[in-house]
């Protein structure tokens, strides 16, 4: 996600149209949002459970500060916005038990 998440990941020319109305958008999505990126965006919170260092807290903070909106854009383009709340609940659960300390 550090490498592949970026502003306007699919190079959409305007924000005044729904992405489904943009000609050729599905091809752009398929090329730009790779299966590896989809996996990373969906399951990064699950992988937090495998780590236990304080450095993960720094990594999560960096992600929220610098790539969070780009992460949301991936789910919007893939029409999977409801997945975001499930992932964020997992992250919040880890934070509440002091995982990032």
N, C-alpha and C. Protein backbone atom coordinates (compact mmCIF):
# COMPACT_ATOMS: atom_id res chain seq x y z
N UNK A 1 0.83 -1.18 0.00
CA UNK A 1 0.00 0.00 0.00
C UNK A 1 0.87 1.24 0.00
N UNK A 2 2.04 1.18 0.64
CA UNK A 2 2.91 2.35 0.63
C UNK A 2 3.30 2.74 -0.79
N UNK A 3 3.54 1.76 -1.62
CA UNK A 3 3.98 2.03 -2.98
C UNK A 3 2.82 2.35 -3.92
N UNK A 4 1.72 1.63 -3.81
CA UNK A 4 0.69 1.68 -4.84
C UNK A 4 -0.48 2.62 -4.57
N UNK A 5 -0.76 2.93 -3.33
CA UNK A 5 -1.85 3.87 -3.05
C UNK A 5 -1.38 5.28 -3.36
N UNK A 6 -2.15 5.99 -4.16
CA UNK A 6 -1.77 7.35 -4.51
C UNK A 6 -3.00 8.16 -4.88
N UNK A 7 -2.82 9.46 -4.91
CA UNK A 7 -3.88 10.39 -5.27
C UNK A 7 -4.39 10.06 -6.66
N UNK A 8 -5.72 10.04 -6.81
CA UNK A 8 -6.37 9.83 -8.10
C UNK A 8 -5.78 8.63 -8.82
N UNK A 9 -5.81 7.50 -8.16
CA UNK A 9 -5.15 6.28 -8.60
C UNK A 9 -5.47 5.88 -10.03
N UNK A 10 -6.66 6.16 -10.51
CA UNK A 10 -7.05 5.78 -11.87
C UNK A 10 -7.02 6.94 -12.86
N UNK A 11 -6.50 8.08 -12.44
CA UNK A 11 -6.38 9.22 -13.35
C UNK A 11 -7.71 9.75 -13.85
N UNK A 12 -8.67 9.82 -12.98
CA UNK A 12 -9.99 10.33 -13.35
C UNK A 12 -9.90 11.84 -13.54
N UNK A 13 -10.38 12.32 -14.68
CA UNK A 13 -10.22 13.72 -15.05
C UNK A 13 -11.10 14.68 -14.28
N UNK A 14 -12.22 14.21 -13.75
CA UNK A 14 -13.14 15.10 -13.05
C UNK A 14 -13.77 14.40 -11.85
N UNK A 15 -14.09 15.17 -10.87
CA UNK A 15 -14.81 14.61 -9.71
C UNK A 15 -16.29 14.96 -9.79
N UNK A 16 -16.70 15.52 -10.91
CA UNK A 16 -18.09 15.94 -11.09
C UNK A 16 -18.99 14.85 -11.65
N UNK A 17 -18.43 13.70 -11.95
CA UNK A 17 -19.20 12.57 -12.47
C UNK A 17 -19.01 11.37 -11.55
N UNK A 18 -20.03 10.56 -11.50
CA UNK A 18 -19.87 9.28 -10.81
C UNK A 18 -18.90 8.44 -11.62
N UNK A 19 -18.06 7.68 -10.92
CA UNK A 19 -17.05 6.94 -11.67
C UNK A 19 -17.66 5.94 -12.65
N UNK A 20 -18.83 5.43 -12.35
CA UNK A 20 -19.47 4.48 -13.26
C UNK A 20 -19.91 5.13 -14.58
N UNK A 21 -19.98 6.46 -14.60
CA UNK A 21 -20.37 7.18 -15.81
C UNK A 21 -19.18 7.50 -16.71
N UNK A 22 -17.97 7.20 -16.26
CA UNK A 22 -16.77 7.55 -17.02
C UNK A 22 -16.44 6.41 -17.99
N UNK A 23 -16.34 6.76 -19.24
CA UNK A 23 -16.06 5.77 -20.27
C UNK A 23 -14.69 5.13 -20.02
N UNK A 24 -14.65 3.82 -20.05
CA UNK A 24 -13.40 3.08 -19.89
C UNK A 24 -12.91 2.96 -18.46
N UNK A 25 -13.71 3.35 -17.50
CA UNK A 25 -13.23 3.34 -16.11
C UNK A 25 -12.94 1.93 -15.62
N UNK A 26 -13.74 0.96 -16.02
CA UNK A 26 -13.50 -0.40 -15.53
C UNK A 26 -12.13 -0.92 -15.98
N UNK A 27 -11.74 -0.60 -17.19
CA UNK A 27 -10.41 -1.01 -17.67
C UNK A 27 -9.32 -0.34 -16.85
N UNK A 28 -9.48 0.95 -16.56
CA UNK A 28 -8.50 1.66 -15.72
C UNK A 28 -8.41 1.02 -14.34
N UNK A 29 -9.57 0.70 -13.77
CA UNK A 29 -9.61 0.09 -12.43
C UNK A 29 -8.88 -1.26 -12.47
N UNK A 30 -9.18 -2.07 -13.47
CA UNK A 30 -8.57 -3.39 -13.56
C UNK A 30 -7.05 -3.33 -13.74
N UNK A 31 -6.57 -2.34 -14.47
CA UNK A 31 -5.13 -2.19 -14.69
C UNK A 31 -4.43 -1.64 -13.45
N UNK A 32 -5.03 -0.64 -12.83
CA UNK A 32 -4.38 0.09 -11.74
C UNK A 32 -4.52 -0.58 -10.38
N UNK A 33 -5.68 -1.10 -10.11
CA UNK A 33 -5.94 -1.71 -8.80
C UNK A 33 -5.75 -3.22 -8.95
N UNK A 34 -4.53 -3.64 -8.74
CA UNK A 34 -4.12 -5.02 -8.96
C UNK A 34 -4.68 -5.94 -7.88
N UNK A 35 -4.72 -7.24 -8.15
CA UNK A 35 -5.15 -8.18 -7.10
C UNK A 35 -4.30 -8.06 -5.82
N UNK A 36 -3.01 -7.78 -5.98
CA UNK A 36 -2.15 -7.61 -4.81
C UNK A 36 -2.57 -6.39 -3.99
N UNK A 37 -2.91 -5.29 -4.66
CA UNK A 37 -3.36 -4.10 -3.95
C UNK A 37 -4.71 -4.33 -3.30
N UNK A 38 -5.59 -5.03 -3.99
CA UNK A 38 -6.90 -5.34 -3.40
C UNK A 38 -6.71 -6.15 -2.12
N UNK A 39 -5.84 -7.15 -2.17
CA UNK A 39 -5.58 -7.97 -0.98
C UNK A 39 -5.05 -7.09 0.16
N UNK A 40 -4.06 -6.27 -0.15
CA UNK A 40 -3.45 -5.42 0.88
C UNK A 40 -4.47 -4.47 1.50
N UNK A 41 -5.31 -3.86 0.67
CA UNK A 41 -6.28 -2.90 1.20
C UNK A 41 -7.35 -3.59 2.05
N UNK A 42 -7.69 -4.82 1.71
CA UNK A 42 -8.75 -5.53 2.45
C UNK A 42 -8.25 -6.17 3.73
N UNK A 43 -7.01 -6.66 3.75
CA UNK A 43 -6.58 -7.52 4.85
C UNK A 43 -5.45 -6.96 5.71
N UNK A 44 -5.09 -5.69 5.54
CA UNK A 44 -3.99 -5.16 6.35
C UNK A 44 -4.32 -5.17 7.83
N UNK A 45 -5.58 -4.93 8.17
CA UNK A 45 -5.96 -4.93 9.60
C UNK A 45 -5.85 -6.33 10.18
N UNK A 46 -6.16 -7.34 9.40
CA UNK A 46 -6.00 -8.72 9.88
C UNK A 46 -4.54 -9.03 10.16
N UNK A 47 -3.66 -8.49 9.34
CA UNK A 47 -2.23 -8.74 9.53
C UNK A 47 -1.67 -8.01 10.75
N UNK A 48 -2.35 -6.98 11.21
CA UNK A 48 -1.91 -6.30 12.43
C UNK A 48 -1.86 -7.26 13.61
N UNK A 49 -2.76 -8.22 13.61
CA UNK A 49 -2.81 -9.18 14.71
C UNK A 49 -1.56 -10.04 14.76
N UNK A 50 -0.86 -10.17 13.65
CA UNK A 50 0.34 -11.00 13.60
C UNK A 50 1.56 -10.28 14.16
N UNK A 51 1.51 -8.96 14.20
CA UNK A 51 2.65 -8.19 14.71
C UNK A 51 2.39 -7.71 16.12
N UNK A 52 3.46 -7.34 16.80
CA UNK A 52 3.27 -6.88 18.17
C UNK A 52 4.19 -5.73 18.55
N UNK A 53 4.91 -5.19 17.61
CA UNK A 53 5.86 -4.13 17.97
C UNK A 53 5.21 -2.76 17.95
N UNK A 54 5.82 -1.86 18.68
CA UNK A 54 5.35 -0.47 18.71
C UNK A 54 5.52 0.18 17.34
N UNK A 55 6.43 -0.34 16.53
CA UNK A 55 6.64 0.21 15.19
C UNK A 55 5.36 0.11 14.36
N UNK A 56 4.55 -0.90 14.59
CA UNK A 56 3.30 -1.01 13.85
C UNK A 56 2.40 0.18 14.12
N UNK A 57 2.43 0.68 15.34
CA UNK A 57 1.65 1.88 15.66
C UNK A 57 2.10 3.06 14.82
N UNK A 58 3.39 3.18 14.63
CA UNK A 58 3.94 4.25 13.79
C UNK A 58 3.51 4.06 12.33
N UNK A 59 3.52 2.81 11.88
CA UNK A 59 3.12 2.52 10.51
C UNK A 59 1.64 2.85 10.28
N UNK A 60 0.81 2.50 11.24
CA UNK A 60 -0.63 2.78 11.12
C UNK A 60 -0.86 4.28 11.13
N UNK A 61 -0.18 4.98 12.01
CA UNK A 61 -0.30 6.44 12.06
C UNK A 61 0.12 7.06 10.73
N UNK A 62 1.22 6.60 10.18
CA UNK A 62 1.69 7.09 8.88
C UNK A 62 0.65 6.82 7.79
N UNK A 63 0.08 5.63 7.82
CA UNK A 63 -0.95 5.26 6.84
C UNK A 63 -2.14 6.21 6.94
N UNK A 64 -2.62 6.43 8.15
CA UNK A 64 -3.79 7.30 8.34
C UNK A 64 -3.48 8.73 7.88
N UNK A 65 -2.30 9.20 8.17
CA UNK A 65 -1.93 10.57 7.79
C UNK A 65 -1.72 10.76 6.30
N UNK A 66 -1.16 9.74 5.63
CA UNK A 66 -0.70 9.95 4.26
C UNK A 66 -1.43 9.17 3.17
N UNK A 67 -2.10 8.08 3.51
CA UNK A 67 -2.70 7.26 2.46
C UNK A 67 -4.15 6.88 2.72
N UNK A 68 -4.72 7.33 3.80
CA UNK A 68 -6.07 6.92 4.19
C UNK A 68 -7.12 7.25 3.12
N UNK A 69 -7.10 8.46 2.60
CA UNK A 69 -8.08 8.84 1.58
C UNK A 69 -7.88 8.07 0.28
N UNK A 70 -6.63 7.76 -0.04
CA UNK A 70 -6.36 6.97 -1.24
C UNK A 70 -6.89 5.54 -1.07
N UNK A 71 -6.78 5.04 0.15
CA UNK A 71 -7.30 3.71 0.51
C UNK A 71 -8.83 3.69 0.32
N UNK A 72 -9.49 4.72 0.80
CA UNK A 72 -10.94 4.82 0.64
C UNK A 72 -11.31 4.86 -0.85
N UNK A 73 -10.52 5.58 -1.64
CA UNK A 73 -10.80 5.68 -3.07
C UNK A 73 -10.80 4.30 -3.75
N UNK A 74 -9.90 3.42 -3.33
CA UNK A 74 -9.87 2.07 -3.89
C UNK A 74 -11.20 1.36 -3.66
N UNK A 75 -11.73 1.45 -2.44
CA UNK A 75 -13.01 0.81 -2.15
C UNK A 75 -14.16 1.46 -2.92
N UNK A 76 -14.09 2.76 -3.10
CA UNK A 76 -15.13 3.45 -3.88
C UNK A 76 -15.11 2.98 -5.33
N UNK A 77 -13.92 2.91 -5.90
CA UNK A 77 -13.80 2.47 -7.29
C UNK A 77 -14.21 1.02 -7.48
N UNK A 78 -14.01 0.20 -6.46
CA UNK A 78 -14.38 -1.21 -6.54
C UNK A 78 -15.81 -1.45 -6.06
N UNK A 79 -16.53 -0.38 -5.73
CA UNK A 79 -17.91 -0.46 -5.23
C UNK A 79 -18.01 -1.37 -3.99
N UNK A 80 -17.08 -1.16 -3.06
CA UNK A 80 -17.03 -1.96 -1.84
C UNK A 80 -16.90 -1.09 -0.59
N UNK A 81 -17.58 0.03 -0.58
CA UNK A 81 -17.47 0.98 0.54
C UNK A 81 -17.87 0.37 1.88
N UNK A 82 -18.79 -0.56 1.89
CA UNK A 82 -19.24 -1.14 3.17
C UNK A 82 -18.12 -1.92 3.87
N UNK A 83 -17.12 -2.32 3.13
CA UNK A 83 -15.99 -3.06 3.71
C UNK A 83 -15.16 -2.19 4.64
N UNK A 84 -15.13 -0.90 4.40
CA UNK A 84 -14.30 0.01 5.17
C UNK A 84 -14.63 -0.04 6.66
N UNK A 85 -15.90 -0.02 7.00
CA UNK A 85 -16.27 0.00 8.42
C UNK A 85 -15.83 -1.28 9.13
N UNK A 86 -15.88 -2.40 8.46
CA UNK A 86 -15.44 -3.67 9.06
C UNK A 86 -13.95 -3.62 9.36
N UNK A 87 -13.18 -3.13 8.41
CA UNK A 87 -11.73 -3.04 8.59
C UNK A 87 -11.38 -2.06 9.70
N UNK A 88 -12.01 -0.90 9.70
CA UNK A 88 -11.71 0.10 10.72
C UNK A 88 -12.11 -0.36 12.13
N UNK A 89 -13.16 -1.15 12.23
CA UNK A 89 -13.52 -1.71 13.54
C UNK A 89 -12.41 -2.61 14.07
N UNK A 90 -11.81 -3.39 13.20
CA UNK A 90 -10.69 -4.25 13.62
C UNK A 90 -9.52 -3.41 14.12
N UNK A 91 -9.22 -2.34 13.41
CA UNK A 91 -8.12 -1.46 13.81
C UNK A 91 -8.43 -0.82 15.15
N UNK A 92 -9.64 -0.32 15.33
CA UNK A 92 -10.03 0.32 16.59
C UNK A 92 -9.98 -0.68 17.75
N UNK A 93 -10.39 -1.89 17.49
CA UNK A 93 -10.34 -2.93 18.53
C UNK A 93 -8.90 -3.14 18.99
N UNK A 94 -7.97 -3.19 18.04
CA UNK A 94 -6.56 -3.37 18.37
C UNK A 94 -6.05 -2.16 19.15
N UNK A 95 -6.47 -0.98 18.76
CA UNK A 95 -6.00 0.25 19.43
C UNK A 95 -6.52 0.31 20.86
N UNK A 96 -7.76 -0.14 21.09
CA UNK A 96 -8.35 -0.08 22.43
C UNK A 96 -7.65 -1.00 23.41
N UNK A 97 -7.08 -2.08 22.94
CA UNK A 97 -6.38 -2.99 23.86
C UNK A 97 -4.91 -2.64 23.99
N UNK A 98 -4.54 -1.48 23.49
CA UNK A 98 -3.17 -1.00 23.64
C UNK A 98 -2.18 -1.63 22.70
N UNK A 99 -2.66 -2.15 21.60
CA UNK A 99 -1.79 -2.82 20.64
C UNK A 99 -0.72 -1.90 20.09
N UNK A 100 -1.01 -0.65 19.92
CA UNK A 100 -0.07 0.26 19.28
C UNK A 100 0.80 1.01 20.28
N UNK A 101 0.86 0.56 21.49
CA UNK A 101 1.66 1.24 22.50
C UNK A 101 3.07 0.72 22.53
